[in-house]
PDB file of N, CA and C in Angstrom:
ATOM      1  N   MET A   1       1.020  -0.894   0.023  1.00  0.00           N
ATOM      2  CA  MET A   1       0.035   0.076   0.060  1.00  0.00           C
ATOM      3  C   MET A   1       1.071   1.045   0.100  1.00  0.00           C
ATOM      4  N   LYS A   2       0.552   1.994  -0.813  1.00  0.00           N
ATOM      5  CA  LYS A   2       1.286   3.403  -0.920  1.00  0.00           C
ATOM      6  C   LYS A   2       1.081   4.282   0.188  1.00  0.00           C
ATOM      7  N   LEU A   3       1.664   5.491   0.461  1.00  0.00           N
ATOM      8  CA  LEU A   3       1.246   6.135   1.608  1.00  0.00           C
ATOM      9  C   LEU A   3       0.266   7.264   1.186  1.00  0.00           C
ATOM     10  N   LYS A   4       0.232   7.499   0.038  1.00  0.00           N
ATOM     11  CA  LYS A   4      -1.131   8.086  -0.248  1.00  0.00           C
ATOM     12  C   LYS A   4      -2.537   7.639  -0.287  1.00  0.00           C
ATOM     13  N   GLU A   5      -2.406   6.357  -0.153  1.00  0.00           N
ATOM     14  CA  GLU A   5      -4.086   5.929  -0.172  1.00  0.00           C
ATOM     15  C   GLU A   5      -4.735   5.399   1.655  1.00  0.00           C
ATOM     16  N   LEU A   6      -3.265   5.917   2.393  1.00  0.00           N
ATOM     17  CA  LEU A   6      -3.817   6.136   3.785  1.00  0.00           C
ATOM     18  C   LEU A   6      -4.571   7.199   4.312  1.00  0.00           C
ATOM     19  N   TYR A   7      -4.969   8.497   3.110  1.00  0.00           N
ATOM     20  CA  TYR A   7      -5.720   9.639   3.503  1.00  0.00           C
ATOM     21  C   TYR A   7      -7.070   9.434   3.344  1.00  0.00           C
ATOM     22  N   HIS A   8      -8.038   9.984   4.401  1.00  0.00           N
ATOM     23  CA  HIS A   8      -9.220  10.056   4.300  1.00  0.00           C
ATOM     24  C   HIS A   8      -9.603  11.346   5.086  1.00  0.00           C
ATOM     25  N   VAL A   9     -10.577  12.044   4.750  1.00  0.00           N
ATOM     26  CA  VAL A   9     -10.875  13.116   5.215  1.00  0.00           C
ATOM     27  C   VAL A   9     -12.235  13.720   5.191  1.00  0.00           C
ATOM     28  N   ALA A  10     -12.335  13.918   6.456  1.00  0.00           N
ATOM     29  CA  ALA A  10     -14.105  14.483   6.678  1.00  0.00           C
ATOM     30  C   ALA A  10     -13.892  16.240   6.195  1.00  0.00           C
ATOM     31  N   VAL A  11     -14.884  16.447   5.187  1.00  0.00           N
ATOM     32  CA  VAL A  11     -14.767  17.521   4.477  1.00  0.00           C
ATOM     33  C   VAL A  11     -15.695  18.759   5.124  1.00  0.00           C
ATOM     34  N   PRO A  12     -15.624  19.850   5.779  1.00  0.00           N
ATOM     35  CA  PRO A  12     -16.224  21.014   6.263  1.00  0.00           C
ATOM     36  C   PRO A  12     -17.326  21.556   5.091  1.00  0.00           C
ATOM     37  N   THR A  13     -18.459  21.609   4.942  1.00  0.00           N
ATOM     38  CA  THR A  13     -19.324  22.319   3.845  1.00  0.00           C
ATOM     39  C   THR A  13     -19.103  23.697   4.077  1.00  0.00           C
ATOM     40  N   ALA A  14     -18.730  24.458   2.698  1.00  0.00           N
ATOM     41  CA  ALA A  14     -18.815  25.720   2.652  1.00  0.00           C
ATOM     42  C   ALA A  14     -20.098  26.581   2.549  1.00  0.00           C
ATOM     43  N   PHE A  15     -20.387  27.372   3.286  1.00  0.00           N
ATOM     44  CA  PHE A  15     -21.570  28.614   3.389  1.00  0.00           C
ATOM     45  C   PHE A  15     -21.448  30.257   2.814  1.00  0.00           C
ATOM     46  N   ASP A  16     -22.339  30.259   2.264  1.00  0.00           N
ATOM     47  CA  ASP A  16     -22.200  31.767   1.741  1.00  0.00           C
ATOM     48  C   ASP A  16     -22.268  32.535   3.098  1.00  0.00           C
ATOM     49  N   GLU A  17     -21.942  34.257   3.183  1.00  0.00           N
ATOM     50  CA  GLU A  17     -22.400  34.722   4.546  1.00  0.00           C
ATOM     51  C   GLU A  17     -23.748  34.541   4.790  1.00  0.00           C
ATOM     52  N   ASN A  18     -25.146  34.532   3.750  1.00  0.00           N
ATOM     53  CA  ASN A  18     -26.483  34.379   3.663  1.00  0.00           C
ATOM     54  C   ASN A  18     -26.869  32.797   3.987  1.00  0.00           C
ATOM     55  N   GLU A  19     -25.706  32.241   4.769  1.00  0.00           N
ATOM     56  CA  GLU A  19     -26.077  30.513   4.890  1.00  0.00           C
ATOM     57  C   GLU A  19     -26.325  30.029   3.994  1.00  0.00           C
ATOM     58  N   ALA A  20     -26.315  30.159   2.712  1.00  0.00           N
ATOM     59  CA  ALA A  20     -26.623  29.230   1.645  1.00  0.00           C
ATOM     60  C   ALA A  20     -25.540  28.481   1.190  1.00  0.00           C
ATOM     61  N   LEU A  21     -25.694  27.480   0.903  1.00  0.00           N
ATOM     62  CA  LEU A  21     -24.680  26.070   0.648  1.00  0.00           C
ATOM     63  C   LEU A  21     -23.548  26.777  -0.400  1.00  0.00           C
ATOM     64  N   ASN A  22     -22.502  26.863  -0.482  1.00  0.00           N
ATOM     65  CA  ASN A  22     -21.627  27.332  -1.570  1.00  0.00           C
ATOM     66  C   ASN A  22     -20.908  25.790  -2.182  1.00  0.00           C
ATOM     67  N   ILE A  23     -21.597  25.287  -3.278  1.00  0.00           N
ATOM     68  CA  ILE A  23     -21.042  24.241  -4.003  1.00  0.00           C
ATOM     69  C   ILE A  23     -19.825  24.331  -4.393  1.00  0.00           C
ATOM     70  N   GLN A  24     -19.611  25.586  -5.356  1.00  0.00           N
ATOM     71  CA  GLN A  24     -18.155  25.398  -5.837  1.00  0.00           C
ATOM     72  C   GLN A  24     -17.169  25.832  -4.687  1.00  0.00           C
ATOM     73  N   ALA A  25     -17.049  26.203  -3.574  1.00  0.00           N
ATOM     74  CA  ALA A  25     -16.123  26.628  -2.832  1.00  0.00           C
ATOM     75  C   ALA A  25     -15.781  24.787  -1.869  1.00  0.00           C
ATOM     76  N   THR A  26     -17.086  24.253  -1.872  1.00  0.00           N
ATOM     77  CA  THR A  26     -16.954  22.785  -1.268  1.00  0.00           C
ATOM     78  C   THR A  26     -16.035  22.314  -2.267  1.00  0.00           C
ATOM     79  N   LEU A  27     -16.664  22.080  -3.455  1.00  0.00           N
ATOM     80  CA  LEU A  27     -15.781  21.247  -4.399  1.00  0.00           C
ATOM     81  C   LEU A  27     -14.619  21.757  -4.705  1.00  0.00           C
ATOM     82  N   ALA A  28     -14.107  22.672  -4.620  1.00  0.00           N
ATOM     83  CA  ALA A  28     -12.718  23.471  -4.784  1.00  0.00           C
ATOM     84  C   ALA A  28     -12.052  22.482  -3.698  1.00  0.00           C
ATOM     85  N   HIS A  29     -12.352  23.013  -2.695  1.00  0.00           N
ATOM     86  CA  HIS A  29     -11.621  22.082  -1.309  1.00  0.00           C
ATOM     87  C   HIS A  29     -11.139  20.914  -1.775  1.00  0.00           C
ATOM     88  N   ILE A  30     -12.319  20.204  -2.089  1.00  0.00           N
ATOM     89  CA  ILE A  30     -12.370  18.629  -2.218  1.00  0.00           C
ATOM     90  C   ILE A  30     -11.433  18.249  -3.774  1.00  0.00           C
ATOM     91  N   HIS A  31     -11.520  19.003  -4.591  1.00  0.00           N
ATOM     92  CA  HIS A  31     -10.071  18.921  -5.442  1.00  0.00           C
ATOM     93  C   HIS A  31      -8.764  19.304  -5.224  1.00  0.00           C
ATOM     94  N   TYR A  32      -9.026  19.759  -4.334  1.00  0.00           N
ATOM     95  CA  TYR A  32      -7.462  20.285  -3.871  1.00  0.00           C
ATOM     96  C   TYR A  32      -7.054  19.439  -3.331  1.00  0.00           C
ATOM     97  N   LEU A  33      -8.026  18.637  -1.757  1.00  0.00           N
ATOM     98  CA  LEU A  33      -7.596  17.842  -1.037  1.00  0.00           C
ATOM     99  C   LEU A  33      -7.068  16.428  -2.044  1.00  0.00           C
ATOM    100  N   LYS A  34      -7.660  16.259  -3.239  1.00  0.00           N
ATOM    101  CA  LYS A  34      -7.859  15.335  -4.442  1.00  0.00           C
ATOM    102  C   LYS A  34      -6.281  15.248  -4.747  1.00  0.00           C
ATOM    103  N   GLU A  35      -5.812  16.895  -5.147  1.00  0.00           N
ATOM    104  CA  GLU A  35      -4.456  16.841  -5.492  1.00  0.00           C
ATOM    105  C   GLU A  35      -3.197  16.820  -4.412  1.00  0.00           C
ATOM    106  N   LYS A  36      -4.018  16.798  -3.282  1.00  0.00           N
ATOM    107  CA  LYS A  36      -2.532  16.179  -2.289  1.00  0.00           C
ATOM    108  C   LYS A  36      -3.062  14.811  -1.698  1.00  0.00           C
ATOM    109  N   TRP A  37      -3.254  13.719  -2.269  1.00  0.00           N
ATOM    110  CA  TRP A  37      -2.979  12.707  -2.196  1.00  0.00           C
ATOM    111  C   TRP A  37      -4.600  11.685  -1.210  1.00  0.00           C
ATOM    112  N   VAL A  38      -5.310  12.776  -1.315  1.00  0.00           N
ATOM    113  CA  VAL A  38      -6.515  12.076  -0.491  1.00  0.00           C
ATOM    114  C   VAL A  38      -6.978  11.294  -1.167  1.00  0.00           C
ATOM    115  N   ASN A  39      -7.559   9.975  -0.645  1.00  0.00           N
ATOM    116  CA  ASN A  39      -7.749   8.837  -1.087  1.00  0.00           C
ATOM    117  C   ASN A  39      -9.445   8.917  -1.080  1.00  0.00           C
ATOM    118  N   SER A  40     -10.100   9.631   0.133  1.00  0.00           N
ATOM    119  CA  SER A  40     -11.295   9.328   0.012  1.00  0.00           C
ATOM    120  C   SER A  40     -11.883  10.929   0.757  1.00  0.00           C
ATOM    121  N   VAL A  41     -13.073  11.236   0.999  1.00  0.00           N
ATOM    122  CA  VAL A  41     -13.795  12.431   1.531  1.00  0.00           C
ATOM    123  C   VAL A  41     -14.822  11.708   2.260  1.00  0.00           C
ATOM    124  N   LEU A  42     -15.284  12.505   3.392  1.00  0.00           N
ATOM    125  CA  LEU A  42     -16.232  12.260   3.881  1.00  0.00           C
ATOM    126  C   LEU A  42     -17.443  13.804   4.070  1.00  0.00           C
ATOM    127  N   VAL A  43     -18.756  13.752   2.948  1.00  0.00           N
ATOM    128  CA  VAL A  43     -19.355  15.060   2.587  1.00  0.00           C
ATOM    129  C   VAL A  43     -20.317  15.405   4.068  1.00  0.00           C
ATOM    130  N   CYS A  44     -20.312  16.451   4.714  1.00  0.00           N
ATOM    131  CA  CYS A  44     -21.435  16.510   5.445  1.00  0.00           C
ATOM    132  C   CYS A  44     -21.230  15.856   6.775  1.00  0.00           C
ATOM    133  N   GLY A  45     -20.086  15.558   6.839  1.00  0.00           N
ATOM    134  CA  GLY A  45     -19.959  14.885   8.222  1.00  0.00           C
ATOM    135  C   GLY A  45     -18.525  15.474   9.468  1.00  0.00           C
ATOM    136  N   SER A  46     -18.574  16.297   9.023  1.00  0.00           N
ATOM    137  CA  SER A  46     -17.040  17.170  10.104  1.00  0.00           C
ATOM    138  C   SER A  46     -17.670  18.092  11.269  1.00  0.00           C
ATOM    139  N   THR A  47     -18.594  18.889  10.790  1.00  0.00           N
ATOM    140  CA  THR A  47     -19.215  19.947  11.524  1.00  0.00           C
ATOM    141  C   THR A  47     -20.943  20.153  11.981  1.00  0.00           C
ATOM    142  N   GLY A  48     -21.459  19.320  11.583  1.00  0.00           N
ATOM    143  CA  GLY A  48     -22.514  18.957  11.985  1.00  0.00           C
ATOM    144  C   GLY A  48     -23.799  19.467  11.103  1.00  0.00           C
ATOM    145  N   GLU A  49     -23.129  20.225   9.807  1.00  0.00           N
ATOM    146  CA  GLU A  49     -23.891  20.735   9.054  1.00  0.00           C
ATOM    147  C   GLU A  49     -25.283  19.715   8.200  1.00  0.00           C
ATOM    148  N   GLN A  50     -24.725  18.871   8.429  1.00  0.00           N
ATOM    149  CA  GLN A  50     -25.836  18.014   8.254  1.00  0.00           C
ATOM    150  C   GLN A  50     -27.242  17.794   8.726  1.00  0.00           C
ATOM    151  N   HIS A  51     -27.458  18.620   9.914  1.00  0.00           N
ATOM    152  CA  HIS A  51     -28.726  18.983  10.459  1.00  0.00           C
ATOM    153  C   HIS A  51     -29.528  20.201   9.689  1.00  0.00           C
ATOM    154  N   SER A  52     -28.135  20.977   9.278  1.00  0.00           N
ATOM    155  CA  SER A  52     -28.955  22.448   8.728  1.00  0.00           C
ATOM    156  C   SER A  52     -29.414  22.753   7.241  1.00  0.00           C
ATOM    157  N   LEU A  53     -28.836  21.170   6.622  1.00  0.00           N
ATOM    158  CA  LEU A  53     -28.951  21.320   5.244  1.00  0.00           C
ATOM    159  C   LEU A  53     -30.536  20.560   4.675  1.00  0.00           C
ATOM    160  N   THR A  54     -31.263  21.026   3.534  1.00  0.00           N
ATOM    161  CA  THR A  54     -32.031  20.476   3.059  1.00  0.00           C
ATOM    162  C   THR A  54     -31.632  19.151   2.263  1.00  0.00           C
ATOM    163  N   LEU A  55     -32.790  18.307   2.229  1.00  0.00           N
ATOM    164  CA  LEU A  55     -32.224  16.804   1.427  1.00  0.00           C
ATOM    165  C   LEU A  55     -31.653  17.208   0.296  1.00  0.00           C
ATOM    166  N   ALA A  56     -32.349  17.992  -0.340  1.00  0.00           N
ATOM    167  CA  ALA A  56     -32.199  18.630  -1.569  1.00  0.00           C
ATOM    168  C   ALA A  56     -30.432  19.086  -1.785  1.00  0.00           C
ATOM    169  N   GLU A  57     -30.273  19.720  -0.539  1.00  0.00           N
ATOM    170  CA  GLU A  57     -29.052  20.364  -0.386  1.00  0.00           C
ATOM    171  C   GLU A  57     -27.783  19.022  -0.261  1.00  0.00           C
ATOM    172  N   LYS A  58     -28.031  17.974   0.413  1.00  0.00           N
ATOM    173  CA  LYS A  58     -27.347  16.971   0.845  1.00  0.00           C
ATOM    174  C   LYS A  58     -27.322  16.096  -0.652  1.00  0.00           C
ATOM    175  N   LEU A  59     -27.987  16.176  -1.237  1.00  0.00           N
ATOM    176  CA  LEU A  59     -27.812  15.268  -2.765  1.00  0.00           C
ATOM    177  C   LEU A  59     -27.258  16.307  -3.608  1.00  0.00           C
TER     178      LEU A  59
END
């Protein structure tokens, strides 16, 4: 197993100042992590944001 296969990260969800979901910023962060050898990410699992998102936003 290569070292880069060991990295798995919980990703915080980005929000705008008006508390709207910021999909572009969230995806940009995930792409950045991919460039840094992160093998997988857990979305909506780091700061409790899953409770403030609608089902549509989660999907």
